[in-house]
PDB file of all heavy atoms in Angstrom:
ATOM      1  N   PRO A   1       4.700 -27.914  10.578  1.00  0.00           N
ATOM      2  CA  PRO A   1       5.078 -28.200  12.000  1.00  0.00           C
ATOM      3  C   PRO A   1       5.863 -27.054  12.551  1.00  0.00           C
ATOM      4  O   PRO A   1       6.530 -26.346  11.781  1.00  0.00           O
ATOM      5  CB  PRO A   1       5.994 -29.465  11.871  1.00  0.00           C
ATOM      6  CG  PRO A   1       5.642 -30.047  10.599  1.00  0.00           C
ATOM      7  CD  PRO A   1       5.215 -28.890   9.715  1.00  0.00           C
ATOM      8  N   GLU A   2       5.710 -26.692  13.857  1.00  0.00           N
ATOM      9  CA  GLU A   2       6.458 -25.593  14.403  1.00  0.00           C
ATOM     10  C   GLU A   2       7.986 -25.886  14.384  1.00  0.00           C
ATOM     11  O   GLU A   2       8.484 -26.980  14.688  1.00  0.00           O
ATOM     12  CB  GLU A   2       6.049 -25.411  15.826  1.00  0.00           C
ATOM     13  CG  GLU A   2       4.627 -24.977  16.009  1.00  0.00           C
ATOM     14  CD  GLU A   2       4.470 -23.526  15.459  1.00  0.00           C
ATOM     15  OE1 GLU A   2       5.419 -22.732  15.526  1.00  0.00           O
ATOM     16  OE2 GLU A   2       3.342 -23.197  15.011  1.00  0.00           O
ATOM     17  N   VAL A   3       8.693 -24.912  13.804  1.00  0.00           N
ATOM     18  CA  VAL A   3      10.135 -25.021  13.716  1.00  0.00           C
ATOM     19  C   VAL A   3      10.693 -23.774  14.419  1.00  0.00           C
ATOM     20  O   VAL A   3      10.370 -22.696  14.021  1.00  0.00           O
ATOM     21  CB  VAL A   3      10.599 -25.043  12.199  1.00  0.00           C
ATOM     22  CG1 VAL A   3      12.049 -25.070  12.149  1.00  0.00           C
ATOM     23  CG2 VAL A   3       9.957 -26.200  11.479  1.00  0.00           C
ATOM     24  N   GLU A   4      11.448 -24.005  15.344  1.00  0.00           N
ATOM     25  CA  GLU A   4      12.071 -22.879  16.029  1.00  0.00           C
ATOM     26  C   GLU A   4      13.358 -22.459  15.437  1.00  0.00           C
ATOM     27  O   GLU A   4      14.366 -23.237  15.421  1.00  0.00           O
ATOM     28  CB  GLU A   4      12.423 -23.234  17.555  1.00  0.00           C
ATOM     29  CG  GLU A   4      11.144 -23.496  18.413  1.00  0.00           C
ATOM     30  CD  GLU A   4      10.332 -22.239  18.435  1.00  0.00           C
ATOM     31  OE1 GLU A   4      10.873 -21.176  18.407  1.00  0.00           O
ATOM     32  OE2 GLU A   4       9.103 -22.382  18.526  1.00  0.00           O
ATOM     33  N   PRO A   5      13.452 -21.254  14.772  1.00  0.00           N
ATOM     34  CA  PRO A   5      14.725 -20.831  14.151  1.00  0.00           C
ATOM     35  C   PRO A   5      15.770 -20.645  15.158  1.00  0.00           C
ATOM     36  O   PRO A   5      15.512 -20.368  16.307  1.00  0.00           O
ATOM     37  CB  PRO A   5      14.280 -19.421  13.487  1.00  0.00           C
ATOM     38  CG  PRO A   5      12.760 -19.476  13.471  1.00  0.00           C
ATOM     39  CD  PRO A   5      12.343 -20.335  14.641  1.00  0.00           C
ATOM     40  N   GLN A   6      17.015 -20.704  14.691  1.00  0.00           N
ATOM     41  CA  GLN A   6      18.166 -20.649  15.661  1.00  0.00           C
ATOM     42  C   GLN A   6      18.716 -19.244  15.696  1.00  0.00           C
ATOM     43  O   GLN A   6      19.665 -18.963  16.387  1.00  0.00           O
ATOM     44  CB  GLN A   6      19.225 -21.633  15.187  1.00  0.00           C
ATOM     45  CG  GLN A   6      18.572 -22.985  14.844  1.00  0.00           C
ATOM     46  CD  GLN A   6      19.513 -24.128  15.300  1.00  0.00           C
ATOM     47  OE1 GLN A   6      20.654 -23.959  15.452  1.00  0.00           O
ATOM     48  NE2 GLN A   6      18.892 -25.304  15.313  1.00  0.00           N
ATOM     49  N   ASP A   7      18.239 -18.371  14.764  1.00  0.00           N
ATOM     50  CA  ASP A   7      18.766 -17.004  14.760  1.00  0.00           C
ATOM     51  C   ASP A   7      18.169 -16.212  15.984  1.00  0.00           C
ATOM     52  O   ASP A   7      17.115 -16.566  16.480  1.00  0.00           O
ATOM     53  CB  ASP A   7      18.386 -16.317  13.544  1.00  0.00           C
ATOM     54  CG  ASP A   7      18.811 -17.038  12.360  1.00  0.00           C
ATOM     55  OD1 ASP A   7      18.206 -18.200  12.074  1.00  0.00           O
ATOM     56  OD2 ASP A   7      19.725 -16.622  11.661  1.00  0.00           O
ATOM     57  N   SER A   8      18.733 -15.076  16.321  1.00  0.00           N
ATOM     58  CA  SER A   8      18.145 -14.178  17.334  1.00  0.00           C
ATOM     59  C   SER A   8      17.495 -13.036  16.439  1.00  0.00           C
ATOM     60  O   SER A   8      17.147 -13.177  15.336  1.00  0.00           O
ATOM     61  CB  SER A   8      19.200 -13.707  18.316  1.00  0.00           C
ATOM     62  OG  SER A   8      20.287 -13.217  17.670  1.00  0.00           O
ATOM     63  N   ASN A   9      17.507 -11.888  17.005  1.00  0.00           N
ATOM     64  CA  ASN A   9      17.053 -10.669  16.342  1.00  0.00           C
ATOM     65  C   ASN A   9      15.583 -10.896  15.860  1.00  0.00           C
ATOM     66  O   ASN A   9      15.327 -10.590  14.689  1.00  0.00           O
ATOM     67  CB  ASN A   9      17.975 -10.315  15.227  1.00  0.00           C
ATOM     68  CG  ASN A   9      19.361 -10.069  15.617  1.00  0.00           C
ATOM     69  OD1 ASN A   9      19.571  -9.529  16.715  1.00  0.00           O
ATOM     70  ND2 ASN A   9      20.328 -10.394  14.725  1.00  0.00           N
ATOM     71  N   GLU A  10      14.701 -11.249  16.730  1.00  0.00           N
ATOM     72  CA  GLU A  10      13.329 -11.408  16.291  1.00  0.00           C
ATOM     73  C   GLU A  10      12.624 -10.097  16.092  1.00  0.00           C
ATOM     74  O   GLU A  10      12.755  -9.136  16.920  1.00  0.00           O
ATOM     75  CB  GLU A  10      12.535 -12.264  17.392  1.00  0.00           C
ATOM     76  CG  GLU A  10      11.118 -12.551  16.877  1.00  0.00           C
ATOM     77  CD  GLU A  10      10.567 -13.750  17.599  1.00  0.00           C
ATOM     78  OE1 GLU A  10      11.293 -14.476  18.202  1.00  0.00           O
ATOM     79  OE2 GLU A  10       9.310 -13.982  17.531  1.00  0.00           O
ATOM     80  N   LEU A  11      11.898  -9.937  14.983  1.00  0.00           N
ATOM     81  CA  LEU A  11      11.328  -8.623  14.613  1.00  0.00           C
ATOM     82  C   LEU A  11       9.778  -8.778  14.632  1.00  0.00           C
ATOM     83  O   LEU A  11       9.251  -9.858  14.448  1.00  0.00           O
ATOM     84  CB  LEU A  11      11.770  -8.172  13.246  1.00  0.00           C
ATOM     85  CG  LEU A  11      13.224  -8.115  13.018  1.00  0.00           C
ATOM     86  CD1 LEU A  11      13.514  -7.678  11.517  1.00  0.00           C
ATOM     87  CD2 LEU A  11      13.839  -6.981  13.890  1.00  0.00           C
ATOM     88  N   THR A  12       9.068  -7.771  14.968  1.00  0.00           N
ATOM     89  CA  THR A  12       7.610  -7.783  14.902  1.00  0.00           C
ATOM     90  C   THR A  12       7.133  -7.186  13.577  1.00  0.00           C
ATOM     91  O   THR A  12       7.524  -6.060  13.284  1.00  0.00           O
ATOM     92  CB  THR A  12       7.022  -6.971  16.032  1.00  0.00           C
ATOM     93  OG1 THR A  12       7.448  -7.487  17.263  1.00  0.00           O
ATOM     94  CG2 THR A  12       5.489  -7.034  16.079  1.00  0.00           C
ATOM     95  N   MET A  13       6.384  -7.925  12.759  1.00  0.00           N
ATOM     96  CA  MET A  13       5.939  -7.441  11.551  1.00  0.00           C
ATOM     97  C   MET A  13       4.539  -6.746  11.682  1.00  0.00           C
ATOM     98  O   MET A  13       3.709  -7.277  12.434  1.00  0.00           O
ATOM     99  CB  MET A  13       5.750  -8.638  10.560  1.00  0.00           C
ATOM    100  CG  MET A  13       7.025  -9.384  10.323  1.00  0.00           C
ATOM    101  SD  MET A  13       8.131  -8.542   9.139  1.00  0.00           S
ATOM    102  CE  MET A  13       7.214  -8.718   7.613  1.00  0.00           C
ATOM    103  N   LYS A  14       4.395  -5.616  11.002  1.00  0.00           N
ATOM    104  CA  LYS A  14       3.077  -4.937  11.113  1.00  0.00           C
ATOM    105  C   LYS A  14       2.459  -4.589   9.790  1.00  0.00           C
ATOM    106  O   LYS A  14       1.317  -4.214   9.732  1.00  0.00           O
ATOM    107  CB  LYS A  14       3.299  -3.597  11.864  1.00  0.00           C
ATOM    108  CG  LYS A  14       3.754  -3.852  13.342  1.00  0.00           C
ATOM    109  CD  LYS A  14       3.942  -2.530  14.053  1.00  0.00           C
ATOM    110  CE  LYS A  14       4.362  -2.757  15.501  1.00  0.00           C
ATOM    111  NZ  LYS A  14       4.483  -1.398  16.259  1.00  0.00           N
ATOM    112  N   SER A  15       3.171  -4.803   8.640  1.00  0.00           N
ATOM    113  CA  SER A  15       2.662  -4.283   7.477  1.00  0.00           C
ATOM    114  C   SER A  15       2.432  -5.458   6.411  1.00  0.00           C
ATOM    115  O   SER A  15       2.169  -5.144   5.246  1.00  0.00           O
ATOM    116  CB  SER A  15       3.694  -3.282   6.797  1.00  0.00           C
ATOM    117  OG  SER A  15       4.934  -3.918   6.613  1.00  0.00           O
ATOM    118  N   THR A  16       2.569  -6.726   6.785  1.00  0.00           N
ATOM    119  CA  THR A  16       2.432  -7.776   5.803  1.00  0.00           C
ATOM    120  C   THR A  16       1.156  -8.616   6.050  1.00  0.00           C
ATOM    121  O   THR A  16       1.115  -9.664   5.337  1.00  0.00           O
ATOM    122  CB  THR A  16       3.701  -8.669   5.853  1.00  0.00           C
ATOM    123  OG1 THR A  16       3.858  -9.193   7.209  1.00  0.00           O
ATOM    124  CG2 THR A  16       4.948  -7.879   5.405  1.00  0.00           C
ATOM    125  N   ASP A  17       0.358  -8.293   6.953  1.00  0.00           N
ATOM    126  CA  ASP A  17      -0.839  -8.958   7.050  1.00  0.00           C
ATOM    127  C   ASP A  17      -1.765  -8.797   5.767  1.00  0.00           C
ATOM    128  O   ASP A  17      -1.883  -7.667   5.328  1.00  0.00           O
ATOM    129  CB  ASP A  17      -1.670  -8.517   8.242  1.00  0.00           C
ATOM    130  CG  ASP A  17      -1.016  -8.846   9.584  1.00  0.00           C
ATOM    131  OD1 ASP A  17       0.077  -9.475   9.535  1.00  0.00           O
ATOM    132  OD2 ASP A  17      -1.445  -8.351  10.621  1.00  0.00           O
ATOM    133  N   THR A  18      -2.300  -9.839   5.282  1.00  0.00           N
ATOM    134  CA  THR A  18      -3.007  -9.754   4.011  1.00  0.00           C
ATOM    135  C   THR A  18      -4.328 -10.481   4.098  1.00  0.00           C
ATOM    136  O   THR A  18      -4.595 -11.303   4.961  1.00  0.00           O
ATOM    137  CB  THR A  18      -2.179 -10.361   2.833  1.00  0.00           C
ATOM    138  OG1 THR A  18      -2.105 -11.743   3.027  1.00  0.00           O
ATOM    139  CG2 THR A  18      -0.788  -9.727   2.731  1.00  0.00           C
ATOM    140  N   TRP A  19      -5.242 -10.210   3.135  1.00  0.00           N
ATOM    141  CA  TRP A  19      -6.389 -11.016   2.905  1.00  0.00           C
ATOM    142  C   TRP A  19      -6.807 -11.079   1.466  1.00  0.00           C
ATOM    143  O   TRP A  19      -6.395 -10.220   0.703  1.00  0.00           O
ATOM    144  CB  TRP A  19      -7.525 -10.383   3.761  1.00  0.00           C
ATOM    145  CG  TRP A  19      -7.991  -9.032   3.451  1.00  0.00           C
ATOM    146  CD1 TRP A  19      -7.518  -7.869   3.975  1.00  0.00           C
ATOM    147  CD2 TRP A  19      -8.821  -8.585   2.335  1.00  0.00           C
ATOM    148  NE1 TRP A  19      -8.142  -6.813   3.371  1.00  0.00           N
ATOM    149  CE2 TRP A  19      -8.901  -7.152   2.363  1.00  0.00           C
ATOM    150  CE3 TRP A  19      -9.532  -9.286   1.354  1.00  0.00           C
ATOM    151  CZ2 TRP A  19      -9.673  -6.445   1.463  1.00  0.00           C
ATOM    152  CZ3 TRP A  19     -10.380  -8.556   0.414  1.00  0.00           C
ATOM    153  CH2 TRP A  19     -10.442  -7.140   0.552  1.00  0.00           C
ATOM    154  N   TYR A  20      -7.439 -12.160   1.084  1.00  0.00           N
ATOM    155  CA  TYR A  20      -7.986 -12.225  -0.281  1.00  0.00           C
ATOM    156  C   TYR A  20      -9.287 -13.113  -0.190  1.00  0.00           C
ATOM    157  O   TYR A  20      -9.549 -13.851   0.756  1.00  0.00           O
ATOM    158  CB  TYR A  20      -7.037 -12.799  -1.207  1.00  0.00           C
ATOM    159  CG  TYR A  20      -6.383 -14.143  -0.993  1.00  0.00           C
ATOM    160  CD1 TYR A  20      -6.867 -15.249  -1.729  1.00  0.00           C
ATOM    161  CD2 TYR A  20      -5.385 -14.324  -0.052  1.00  0.00           C
ATOM    162  CE1 TYR A  20      -6.246 -16.504  -1.478  1.00  0.00           C
ATOM    163  CE2 TYR A  20      -4.806 -15.594   0.127  1.00  0.00           C
ATOM    164  CZ  TYR A  20      -5.318 -16.687  -0.612  1.00  0.00           C
ATOM    165  OH  TYR A  20      -4.756 -17.946  -0.387  1.00  0.00           O
ATOM    166  N   VAL A  21     -10.067 -12.938  -1.195  1.00  0.00           N
ATOM    167  CA  VAL A  21     -11.349 -13.578  -1.279  1.00  0.00           C
ATOM    168  C   VAL A  21     -11.415 -14.484  -2.557  1.00  0.00           C
ATOM    169  O   VAL A  21     -11.081 -14.027  -3.669  1.00  0.00           O
ATOM    170  CB  VAL A  21     -12.565 -12.569  -1.298  1.00  0.00           C
ATOM    171  CG1 VAL A  21     -13.899 -13.338  -1.508  1.00  0.00           C
ATOM    172  CG2 VAL A  21     -12.582 -11.805  -0.012  1.00  0.00           C
ATOM    173  N   VAL A  22     -11.850 -15.677  -2.385  1.00  0.00           N
ATOM    174  CA  VAL A  22     -12.034 -16.675  -3.492  1.00  0.00           C
ATOM    175  C   VAL A  22     -13.538 -16.981  -3.659  1.00  0.00           C
ATOM    176  O   VAL A  22     -14.187 -17.340  -2.643  1.00  0.00           O
ATOM    177  CB  VAL A  22     -11.197 -17.906  -3.237  1.00  0.00           C
ATOM    178  CG1 VAL A  22     -11.495 -18.943  -4.357  1.00  0.00           C
ATOM    179  CG2 VAL A  22      -9.693 -17.593  -3.112  1.00  0.00           C
ATOM    180  N   ASP A  23     -14.004 -16.844  -4.832  1.00  0.00           N
ATOM    181  CA  ASP A  23     -15.514 -17.188  -5.002  1.00  0.00           C
ATOM    182  C   ASP A  23     -15.746 -18.649  -5.181  1.00  0.00           C
ATOM    183  O   ASP A  23     -14.782 -19.432  -5.153  1.00  0.00           O
ATOM    184  CB  ASP A  23     -16.100 -16.292  -6.200  1.00  0.00           C
ATOM    185  CG  ASP A  23     -15.565 -16.716  -7.516  1.00  0.00           C
ATOM    186  OD1 ASP A  23     -14.972 -17.806  -7.661  1.00  0.00           O
ATOM    187  OD2 ASP A  23     -15.807 -15.935  -8.419  1.00  0.00           O
ATOM    188  N   ARG A  24     -16.973 -18.971  -5.413  1.00  0.00           N
ATOM    189  CA  ARG A  24     -17.320 -20.438  -5.489  1.00  0.00           C
ATOM    190  C   ARG A  24     -16.600 -21.106  -6.669  1.00  0.00           C
ATOM    191  O   ARG A  24     -16.360 -22.307  -6.640  1.00  0.00           O
ATOM    192  CB  ARG A  24     -18.884 -20.591  -5.646  1.00  0.00           C
ATOM    193  CG  ARG A  24     -19.414 -22.045  -5.798  1.00  0.00           C
ATOM    194  CD  ARG A  24     -20.850 -22.071  -5.852  1.00  0.00           C
ATOM    195  NE  ARG A  24     -21.530 -21.619  -4.774  1.00  0.00           N
ATOM    196  CZ  ARG A  24     -21.805 -22.389  -3.637  1.00  0.00           C
ATOM    197  NH1 ARG A  24     -21.417 -23.576  -3.587  1.00  0.00           N
ATOM    198  NH2 ARG A  24     -22.505 -21.802  -2.677  1.00  0.00           N
ATOM    199  N   GLU A  25     -16.374 -20.398  -7.704  1.00  0.00           N
ATOM    200  CA  GLU A  25     -15.719 -20.982  -8.865  1.00  0.00           C
ATOM    201  C   GLU A  25     -14.158 -20.996  -8.744  1.00  0.00           C
ATOM    202  O   GLU A  25     -13.429 -21.501  -9.602  1.00  0.00           O
ATOM    203  CB  GLU A  25     -16.061 -20.176 -10.111  1.00  0.00           C
ATOM    204  CG  GLU A  25     -17.445 -20.414 -10.695  1.00  0.00           C
ATOM    205  CD  GLU A  25     -18.552 -19.847  -9.734  1.00  0.00           C
ATOM    206  OE1 GLU A  25     -18.310 -18.663  -9.260  1.00  0.00           O
ATOM    207  OE2 GLU A  25     -19.516 -20.503  -9.490  1.00  0.00           O
ATOM    208  N   GLY A  26     -13.641 -20.478  -7.548  1.00  0.00           N
ATOM    209  CA  GLY A  26     -12.238 -20.543  -7.382  1.00  0.00           C
ATOM    210  C   GLY A  26     -11.490 -19.299  -7.875  1.00  0.00           C
ATOM    211  O   GLY A  26     -10.237 -19.310  -7.894  1.00  0.00           O
ATOM    212  N   ARG A  27     -12.128 -18.215  -8.265  1.00  0.00           N
ATOM    213  CA  ARG A  27     -11.478 -17.006  -8.755  1.00  0.00           C
ATOM    214  C   ARG A  27     -11.322 -15.996  -7.570  1.00  0.00           C
ATOM    215  O   ARG A  27     -12.114 -15.900  -6.670  1.00  0.00           O
ATOM    216  CB  ARG A  27     -12.343 -16.338  -9.796  1.00  0.00           C
ATOM    217  CG  ARG A  27     -12.487 -17.175 -11.080  1.00  0.00           C
ATOM    218  CD  ARG A  27     -13.073 -16.465 -12.233  1.00  0.00           C
ATOM    219  NE  ARG A  27     -13.180 -17.287 -13.359  1.00  0.00           N
ATOM    220  CZ  ARG A  27     -12.155 -17.562 -14.249  1.00  0.00           C
ATOM    221  NH1 ARG A  27     -10.930 -17.001 -14.017  1.00  0.00           N
ATOM    222  NH2 ARG A  27     -12.323 -18.339 -15.228  1.00  0.00           N
TER     223      ARG A  27
END
C-alpha cells in the first residue's frame, strides 16, 4: 500500500534501477 514518509529531503535515484531474468525452471 502507498505509504507517505514523513521525512523531507526527497532525492531522485538514478543508479539503482535493475533487471533480472528468470527461466521456466525458476533459475
